[in-house]
Protein backbone atom coordinates (compact mmCIF):
# COMPACT_ATOMS: atom_id res chain seq x y z
CA MET A 1 -0.97 45.13 -0.05
CA SER A 2 2.32 46.69 0.82
CA ARG A 3 3.40 50.26 0.26
CA LEU A 4 6.55 49.08 -1.47
CA GLU A 5 7.47 50.17 -4.97
CA PRO A 6 4.76 48.75 -7.27
CA GLN A 7 5.37 45.94 -9.72
CA PRO A 8 5.93 46.78 -13.38
CA TYR A 9 2.60 47.46 -15.04
CA CYS A 10 1.01 46.59 -18.33
CA PHE A 11 -1.66 49.28 -18.53
CA GLU A 12 -1.91 52.88 -17.37
CA TYR A 13 -4.93 55.18 -17.28
CA GLU A 14 -4.76 58.90 -16.48
CA ARG A 15 -7.43 61.30 -15.32
CA ILE A 16 -8.00 64.57 -13.48
CA VAL A 17 -10.05 64.53 -10.28
CA GLU A 18 -13.47 66.09 -10.76
CA PHE A 19 -15.08 68.39 -8.15
CA ALA A 20 -18.08 66.04 -7.78
CA GLU A 21 -15.69 63.26 -6.63
CA THR A 22 -14.66 65.18 -3.51
CA ASP A 23 -16.25 65.32 -0.07
CA MET A 24 -16.91 68.26 2.29
CA ALA A 25 -13.21 68.31 3.22
CA GLY A 26 -12.24 68.67 -0.45
CA ILE A 27 -10.69 65.19 -0.53
CA VAL A 28 -11.69 62.49 -3.01
CA HIS A 29 -14.29 60.26 -1.34
CA PHE A 30 -12.99 56.71 -0.86
CA SER A 31 -15.77 55.16 -2.95
CA ASN A 32 -14.43 56.87 -6.06
CA PHE A 33 -11.26 54.76 -5.93
CA TYR A 34 -13.45 51.73 -6.70
CA ARG A 35 -14.92 53.57 -9.68
CA TYR A 36 -11.42 54.53 -10.82
CA MET A 37 -10.40 50.87 -10.71
CA GLU A 38 -13.46 49.87 -12.73
CA VAL A 39 -12.92 52.59 -15.34
CA THR A 40 -9.27 51.49 -15.65
CA GLU A 41 -10.35 47.86 -16.02
CA HIS A 42 -12.80 48.78 -18.79
CA ALA A 43 -10.13 50.79 -20.62
CA PHE A 44 -7.70 47.87 -20.25
CA PHE A 45 -10.19 45.39 -21.74
CA ARG A 46 -10.87 47.82 -24.63
CA SER A 47 -7.10 48.05 -25.23
CA LEU A 48 -7.18 44.27 -25.79
CA GLY A 49 -10.05 44.61 -28.26
CA HIS A 50 -12.64 43.28 -25.79
CA GLY A 51 -15.24 44.55 -23.36
CA VAL A 52 -16.27 43.61 -19.87
CA HIS A 53 -19.68 42.69 -21.25
CA GLU A 54 -19.59 41.21 -24.74
CA ARG A 55 -20.47 38.29 -26.97
CA ILE A 56 -17.62 35.87 -27.67
CA ASP A 57 -18.34 32.83 -29.85
CA ASP A 58 -22.08 33.49 -29.46
CA VAL A 59 -21.83 33.48 -25.64
CA SER A 60 -22.64 36.59 -23.62
CA VAL A 61 -19.64 36.97 -21.29
CA GLY A 62 -19.47 39.20 -18.21
CA TRP A 63 -17.08 39.89 -15.33
CA PRO A 64 -18.84 40.37 -11.98
CA ARG A 65 -16.73 41.30 -8.98
CA VAL A 66 -15.90 38.55 -6.51
CA GLN A 67 -13.70 40.66 -4.24
CA ALA A 68 -12.55 44.29 -4.11
CA SER A 69 -10.32 46.14 -1.67
CA CYS A 70 -8.37 49.38 -1.53
CA ASP A 71 -5.73 50.80 0.83
CA PHE A 72 -5.36 54.57 1.08
CA PHE A 73 -2.03 56.26 1.84
CA LYS A 74 -2.39 59.96 0.92
CA PRO A 75 -5.33 62.18 -0.02
CA ILE A 76 -6.03 63.58 -3.47
CA ARG A 77 -8.11 66.64 -4.27
CA PHE A 78 -10.03 68.43 -7.01
CA GLU A 79 -7.99 68.86 -10.22
CA ASP A 80 -5.14 66.61 -9.07
CA ARG A 81 -3.80 64.62 -12.01
CA ILE A 82 -3.66 60.91 -11.20
CA LYS A 83 -2.40 57.77 -12.89
CA ILE A 84 -3.88 54.36 -12.26
CA ARG A 85 -1.64 51.42 -13.17
CA LEU A 86 -3.22 48.01 -13.63
CA THR A 87 -1.11 44.91 -13.12
CA ILE A 88 -2.42 41.40 -13.69
CA GLN A 89 -1.61 39.47 -10.54
CA GLU A 90 -3.14 36.14 -11.52
CA ILE A 91 -5.10 34.56 -14.35
CA ARG A 92 -7.04 31.49 -13.35
CA ARG A 93 -9.28 29.33 -15.55
CA ARG A 94 -12.42 31.20 -14.51
CA SER A 95 -11.21 34.38 -12.82
CA LEU A 96 -8.85 37.30 -13.07
CA ARG A 97 -7.05 39.07 -10.20
CA CYS A 98 -5.76 42.59 -10.90
CA LEU A 99 -3.77 45.01 -8.76
CA TYR A 100 -4.19 48.77 -9.08
CA TYR A 101 -1.67 51.41 -8.08
CA PHE A 102 -2.76 55.04 -7.82
CA PHE A 103 -0.23 57.83 -8.27
CA LYS A 104 -0.60 61.59 -7.92
CA GLU A 105 1.48 63.46 -10.47
CA THR A 106 3.70 66.14 -8.92
CA ASP A 107 6.36 68.44 -10.39
CA SER A 108 9.15 66.24 -9.08
CA ASP A 109 7.78 62.69 -9.10
CA ASP A 110 4.70 60.49 -9.00
CA VAL A 111 3.56 59.80 -5.43
CA LEU A 112 1.84 56.51 -4.52
CA ILE A 113 -1.50 57.46 -2.94
CA ALA A 114 -3.42 54.17 -2.86
CA SER A 115 -3.40 50.56 -4.01
CA GLY A 116 -6.26 48.19 -4.65
CA ARG A 117 -7.24 44.78 -5.87
CA ILE A 118 -10.22 43.42 -7.75
CA VAL A 119 -11.01 39.78 -8.43
CA THR A 120 -13.53 39.14 -11.20
CA ALA A 121 -15.15 35.93 -12.39
CA SER A 122 -15.69 34.98 -16.01
CA VAL A 123 -19.39 34.20 -16.43
CA ARG A 124 -21.96 33.38 -19.07
CA LEU A 125 -25.06 35.56 -18.92
CA ASP A 126 -28.33 34.06 -20.13
CA ARG A 127 -30.45 37.07 -21.02
CA ASP A 128 -33.64 35.01 -21.29
CA THR A 129 -33.47 33.35 -17.86
CA GLY A 130 -31.18 35.81 -16.06
CA GLU A 131 -28.96 32.89 -15.07
CA ILE A 132 -25.27 33.60 -14.40
CA VAL A 133 -22.93 30.64 -14.77
CA SER A 134 -19.19 30.57 -14.16
CA ILE A 135 -17.26 29.68 -17.34
CA GLU A 136 -13.65 29.36 -18.37
CA ILE A 137 -12.15 32.55 -19.75
CA PRO A 138 -12.64 32.38 -23.54
CA PRO A 139 -9.38 31.20 -25.19
CA GLU A 140 -8.91 34.30 -27.39
CA LEU A 141 -9.19 36.60 -24.36
CA GLN A 142 -7.10 34.28 -22.18
CA GLU A 143 -4.25 34.53 -24.72
CA LYS A 144 -4.40 38.33 -24.73
CA LEU A 145 -4.49 38.49 -20.92
CA LYS A 146 -1.46 36.18 -20.70
CA ALA A 147 0.42 38.30 -23.24
CA ALA A 148 -0.37 41.44 -21.22
CA GLN A 149 0.73 39.72 -18.01
CA GLU A 150 4.00 38.58 -19.60
CA SER A 151 4.72 42.10 -20.88
CA GLN A 152 4.74 43.29 -17.24
CA HIS A 153 8.02 41.48 -16.67
CA LEU A 154 9.96 42.84 -19.64
C-alpha cells in the first residue's frame, strides 16, 4: 500500500486510544491495528443492516480472514483520537477485499498513521458438523456492498 492520499471512503469509525492498547513505550502495540480494522468492519456491516456472523435465508454465514496486512507510518498513543476509514477495494463472488486508512486527529489536520488490508471469504457454517464451506455472497448483502462501493466514487 502506498502512503499517497487515500481513496474516498464509504465508512468511517472513530475511537480514542485506550491505555491498555499501549506498550511499555506508551505507543499503541501493532496488534491493536488488526483489532481496530475488525471493529471497523463489524460496524460497517451493522451499518448495512447485517453482521459478520448471521443467518441469511436460513444459512449461517460467516466471514473468516483469508489475508490481513498493515503498514505503519507514525505512532499513536494513549488518548489520541483516531479515525479508521474503510474502503471496499474489491467485491468478488465469494470474497471481499477492504482497505483501511488510519488517521490521528490533530488541531490542524488529520494525519495518516497507518494503512491496512483485510480479505475475507463468504462461508456457510454448519453448526452441527463444524464444516466451513465457501459460498457466494448472499444477493441481498452483495447489493448493499456494491452500493457502498459505488458511493465511494461520488
